[in-house]
């Protein structure tokens, strides 16, 4: 994606980000069904990553499968934002 590289399972503090772009400090989390029951834990995880200077965006796994173009468009939008 425009020369931007992502790492899979990148360690940030005590957490592993699903995908991380180190150069842009962007984390992409892909949440499965079980995340509906751990909203508080996910919020804590996001806050911990944000405290370290990362921007975190989340997508539901079914959204990634059903609308990959829309997900990529959102990732591109975030990457191009100042």
N, C-alpha and C. Protein backbone atom coordinates (compact mmCIF):
# COMPACT_ATOMS: atom_id res chain seq x y z
N UNK A 1 0.85 -1.17 0.00
CA UNK A 1 0.00 0.00 0.00
C UNK A 1 0.89 1.24 0.00
N UNK A 2 1.16 1.77 -1.15
CA UNK A 2 1.94 3.00 -1.31
C UNK A 2 3.27 2.95 -0.56
N UNK A 3 3.89 1.78 -0.53
CA UNK A 3 5.19 1.65 0.11
C UNK A 3 5.16 1.55 1.63
N UNK A 4 3.99 1.55 2.22
CA UNK A 4 3.86 1.44 3.67
C UNK A 4 3.83 -0.04 4.03
N UNK A 5 4.65 -0.42 5.01
CA UNK A 5 4.73 -1.82 5.40
C UNK A 5 4.12 -2.04 6.78
N UNK A 6 3.48 -3.18 6.92
CA UNK A 6 2.89 -3.57 8.20
C UNK A 6 3.57 -4.83 8.71
N UNK A 7 3.71 -4.89 10.00
CA UNK A 7 4.20 -6.10 10.67
C UNK A 7 3.01 -6.79 11.30
N UNK A 8 3.05 -8.09 11.30
CA UNK A 8 2.00 -8.89 11.93
C UNK A 8 2.47 -9.29 13.32
N UNK A 9 1.55 -9.23 14.30
CA UNK A 9 1.84 -9.61 15.68
C UNK A 9 3.03 -8.84 16.24
N UNK A 10 2.94 -7.52 16.15
CA UNK A 10 4.02 -6.63 16.62
C UNK A 10 3.82 -6.31 18.10
N UNK A 11 4.87 -6.49 18.88
CA UNK A 11 4.81 -6.26 20.32
C UNK A 11 4.82 -4.77 20.63
N UNK A 12 3.82 -4.33 21.40
CA UNK A 12 3.74 -2.95 21.89
C UNK A 12 3.41 -3.06 23.37
N UNK A 13 4.38 -2.73 24.21
CA UNK A 13 4.19 -2.92 25.65
C UNK A 13 3.93 -4.38 25.91
N UNK A 14 2.90 -4.68 26.71
CA UNK A 14 2.59 -6.07 27.01
C UNK A 14 1.66 -6.73 25.98
N UNK A 15 1.33 -6.01 24.91
CA UNK A 15 0.34 -6.48 23.94
C UNK A 15 0.97 -6.75 22.57
N UNK A 16 0.35 -7.65 21.84
CA UNK A 16 0.70 -7.89 20.45
C UNK A 16 -0.38 -7.27 19.58
N UNK A 17 0.02 -6.32 18.73
CA UNK A 17 -0.91 -5.72 17.78
C UNK A 17 -1.11 -6.70 16.63
N UNK A 18 -2.34 -6.80 16.13
CA UNK A 18 -2.59 -7.68 14.99
C UNK A 18 -1.69 -7.27 13.82
N UNK A 19 -1.75 -5.98 13.46
CA UNK A 19 -0.92 -5.42 12.41
C UNK A 19 -0.42 -4.05 12.86
N UNK A 20 0.83 -3.74 12.59
CA UNK A 20 1.38 -2.46 12.99
C UNK A 20 2.26 -1.90 11.88
N UNK A 21 2.06 -0.64 11.57
CA UNK A 21 2.92 0.10 10.66
C UNK A 21 3.81 0.96 11.54
N UNK A 22 5.05 0.55 11.69
CA UNK A 22 5.97 1.22 12.61
C UNK A 22 6.25 2.64 12.15
N UNK A 23 6.44 2.85 10.86
CA UNK A 23 6.80 4.19 10.36
C UNK A 23 5.68 5.20 10.58
N UNK A 24 4.43 4.76 10.60
CA UNK A 24 3.28 5.65 10.79
C UNK A 24 2.67 5.53 12.18
N UNK A 25 3.21 4.62 12.99
CA UNK A 25 2.69 4.34 14.34
C UNK A 25 1.18 4.08 14.30
N UNK A 26 0.79 3.19 13.39
CA UNK A 26 -0.61 2.82 13.21
C UNK A 26 -0.79 1.35 13.51
N UNK A 27 -1.78 1.05 14.34
CA UNK A 27 -2.14 -0.34 14.66
C UNK A 27 -3.50 -0.63 14.05
N UNK A 28 -3.61 -1.79 13.43
CA UNK A 28 -4.89 -2.29 12.93
C UNK A 28 -5.23 -3.55 13.71
N UNK A 29 -6.35 -3.51 14.38
CA UNK A 29 -6.83 -4.66 15.13
C UNK A 29 -8.03 -5.26 14.39
N UNK A 30 -8.01 -6.57 14.23
CA UNK A 30 -9.10 -7.29 13.59
C UNK A 30 -9.79 -8.10 14.69
N UNK A 31 -11.03 -7.72 15.00
CA UNK A 31 -11.75 -8.31 16.13
C UNK A 31 -12.75 -9.37 15.68
N UNK A 32 -12.64 -10.54 16.28
CA UNK A 32 -13.61 -11.61 16.06
C UNK A 32 -14.78 -11.46 17.01
N UNK A 33 -15.69 -12.41 16.95
CA UNK A 33 -16.92 -12.37 17.76
C UNK A 33 -16.67 -12.23 19.25
N UNK A 34 -15.63 -12.89 19.76
CA UNK A 34 -15.38 -12.88 21.20
C UNK A 34 -15.08 -11.48 21.73
N UNK A 35 -14.70 -10.56 20.85
CA UNK A 35 -14.41 -9.19 21.30
C UNK A 35 -15.68 -8.45 21.73
N UNK A 36 -16.83 -8.94 21.31
CA UNK A 36 -18.09 -8.33 21.75
C UNK A 36 -18.27 -8.48 23.25
N UNK A 37 -17.60 -9.47 23.84
CA UNK A 37 -17.73 -9.73 25.26
C UNK A 37 -16.55 -9.20 26.07
N UNK A 38 -15.62 -8.54 25.42
CA UNK A 38 -14.45 -8.02 26.13
C UNK A 38 -14.18 -6.57 25.75
N UNK A 39 -15.24 -5.79 25.70
CA UNK A 39 -15.15 -4.38 25.30
C UNK A 39 -14.23 -3.61 26.24
N UNK A 40 -14.37 -3.83 27.53
CA UNK A 40 -13.55 -3.10 28.50
C UNK A 40 -12.07 -3.46 28.35
N UNK A 41 -11.77 -4.73 28.17
CA UNK A 41 -10.38 -5.16 28.00
C UNK A 41 -9.79 -4.58 26.72
N UNK A 42 -10.58 -4.54 25.65
CA UNK A 42 -10.10 -3.97 24.38
C UNK A 42 -9.86 -2.47 24.53
N UNK A 43 -10.72 -1.78 25.27
CA UNK A 43 -10.55 -0.34 25.49
C UNK A 43 -9.26 -0.09 26.28
N UNK A 44 -8.97 -0.93 27.26
CA UNK A 44 -7.76 -0.80 28.04
C UNK A 44 -6.52 -1.03 27.16
N UNK A 45 -6.61 -2.04 26.32
CA UNK A 45 -5.51 -2.38 25.39
C UNK A 45 -5.26 -1.22 24.43
N UNK A 46 -6.33 -0.67 23.87
CA UNK A 46 -6.21 0.47 22.95
C UNK A 46 -5.59 1.66 23.67
N UNK A 47 -6.06 1.96 24.87
CA UNK A 47 -5.53 3.09 25.64
C UNK A 47 -4.03 2.91 25.92
N UNK A 48 -3.63 1.70 26.24
CA UNK A 48 -2.22 1.43 26.53
C UNK A 48 -1.36 1.67 25.29
N UNK A 49 -1.85 1.26 24.13
CA UNK A 49 -1.10 1.49 22.89
C UNK A 49 -1.07 2.97 22.53
N UNK A 50 -2.20 3.65 22.74
CA UNK A 50 -2.26 5.08 22.44
C UNK A 50 -1.34 5.88 23.37
N UNK A 51 -1.19 5.45 24.60
CA UNK A 51 -0.28 6.12 25.53
C UNK A 51 1.16 6.01 25.05
N UNK A 52 1.45 5.01 24.26
CA UNK A 52 2.81 4.84 23.71
C UNK A 52 2.94 5.54 22.35
N UNK A 53 1.91 6.31 21.96
CA UNK A 53 1.99 7.10 20.73
C UNK A 53 1.43 6.46 19.49
N UNK A 54 0.76 5.32 19.63
CA UNK A 54 0.19 4.62 18.48
C UNK A 54 -1.25 5.05 18.26
N UNK A 55 -1.66 5.08 17.01
CA UNK A 55 -3.07 5.27 16.65
C UNK A 55 -3.63 3.88 16.38
N UNK A 56 -4.78 3.57 16.95
CA UNK A 56 -5.36 2.24 16.83
C UNK A 56 -6.70 2.34 16.10
N UNK A 57 -6.86 1.53 15.05
CA UNK A 57 -8.16 1.41 14.40
C UNK A 57 -8.57 -0.06 14.45
N UNK A 58 -9.87 -0.27 14.60
CA UNK A 58 -10.39 -1.63 14.76
C UNK A 58 -11.42 -1.92 13.68
N UNK A 59 -11.40 -3.16 13.23
CA UNK A 59 -12.40 -3.65 12.29
C UNK A 59 -12.90 -4.99 12.79
N UNK A 60 -14.16 -5.26 12.54
CA UNK A 60 -14.69 -6.59 12.84
C UNK A 60 -14.21 -7.54 11.75
N UNK A 61 -13.91 -8.77 12.13
CA UNK A 61 -13.41 -9.77 11.18
C UNK A 61 -14.39 -9.99 10.03
N UNK A 62 -15.68 -10.02 10.35
CA UNK A 62 -16.67 -10.24 9.28
C UNK A 62 -16.70 -9.06 8.31
N UNK A 63 -16.38 -7.86 8.79
CA UNK A 63 -16.31 -6.69 7.91
C UNK A 63 -15.13 -6.81 6.94
N UNK A 64 -14.01 -7.32 7.44
CA UNK A 64 -12.82 -7.51 6.60
C UNK A 64 -13.12 -8.50 5.49
N UNK A 65 -13.86 -9.55 5.81
CA UNK A 65 -14.19 -10.58 4.82
C UNK A 65 -15.25 -10.06 3.84
N UNK A 66 -16.28 -9.39 4.35
CA UNK A 66 -17.39 -8.96 3.51
C UNK A 66 -17.09 -7.70 2.70
N UNK A 67 -16.22 -6.84 3.21
CA UNK A 67 -15.97 -5.57 2.55
C UNK A 67 -14.48 -5.19 2.60
N UNK A 68 -13.61 -6.01 2.02
CA UNK A 68 -12.19 -5.70 2.11
C UNK A 68 -11.82 -4.37 1.45
N UNK A 69 -12.50 -4.02 0.37
CA UNK A 69 -12.19 -2.75 -0.30
C UNK A 69 -12.51 -1.58 0.62
N UNK A 70 -13.62 -1.65 1.35
CA UNK A 70 -13.99 -0.59 2.29
C UNK A 70 -12.99 -0.47 3.43
N UNK A 71 -12.52 -1.62 3.90
CA UNK A 71 -11.52 -1.62 4.97
C UNK A 71 -10.23 -0.98 4.47
N UNK A 72 -9.77 -1.37 3.27
CA UNK A 72 -8.55 -0.78 2.71
C UNK A 72 -8.71 0.71 2.49
N UNK A 73 -9.88 1.14 2.06
CA UNK A 73 -10.11 2.58 1.86
C UNK A 73 -9.98 3.32 3.19
N UNK A 74 -10.49 2.75 4.25
CA UNK A 74 -10.39 3.39 5.56
C UNK A 74 -8.94 3.42 6.04
N UNK A 75 -8.21 2.34 5.83
CA UNK A 75 -6.79 2.31 6.21
C UNK A 75 -6.02 3.37 5.42
N UNK A 76 -6.28 3.47 4.13
CA UNK A 76 -5.61 4.48 3.30
C UNK A 76 -5.96 5.88 3.77
N UNK A 77 -7.23 6.10 4.14
CA UNK A 77 -7.66 7.41 4.63
C UNK A 77 -6.89 7.78 5.90
N UNK A 78 -6.77 6.83 6.82
CA UNK A 78 -6.07 7.08 8.07
C UNK A 78 -4.59 7.34 7.81
N UNK A 79 -4.00 6.56 6.92
CA UNK A 79 -2.58 6.74 6.61
C UNK A 79 -2.29 8.10 5.97
N UNK A 80 -3.24 8.63 5.20
CA UNK A 80 -3.01 9.90 4.52
C UNK A 80 -3.38 11.10 5.38
N UNK A 81 -4.03 10.87 6.52
CA UNK A 81 -4.41 11.98 7.41
C UNK A 81 -3.17 12.53 8.10
N UNK A 82 -3.17 13.84 8.33
CA UNK A 82 -2.00 14.45 9.00
C UNK A 82 -1.87 14.04 10.45
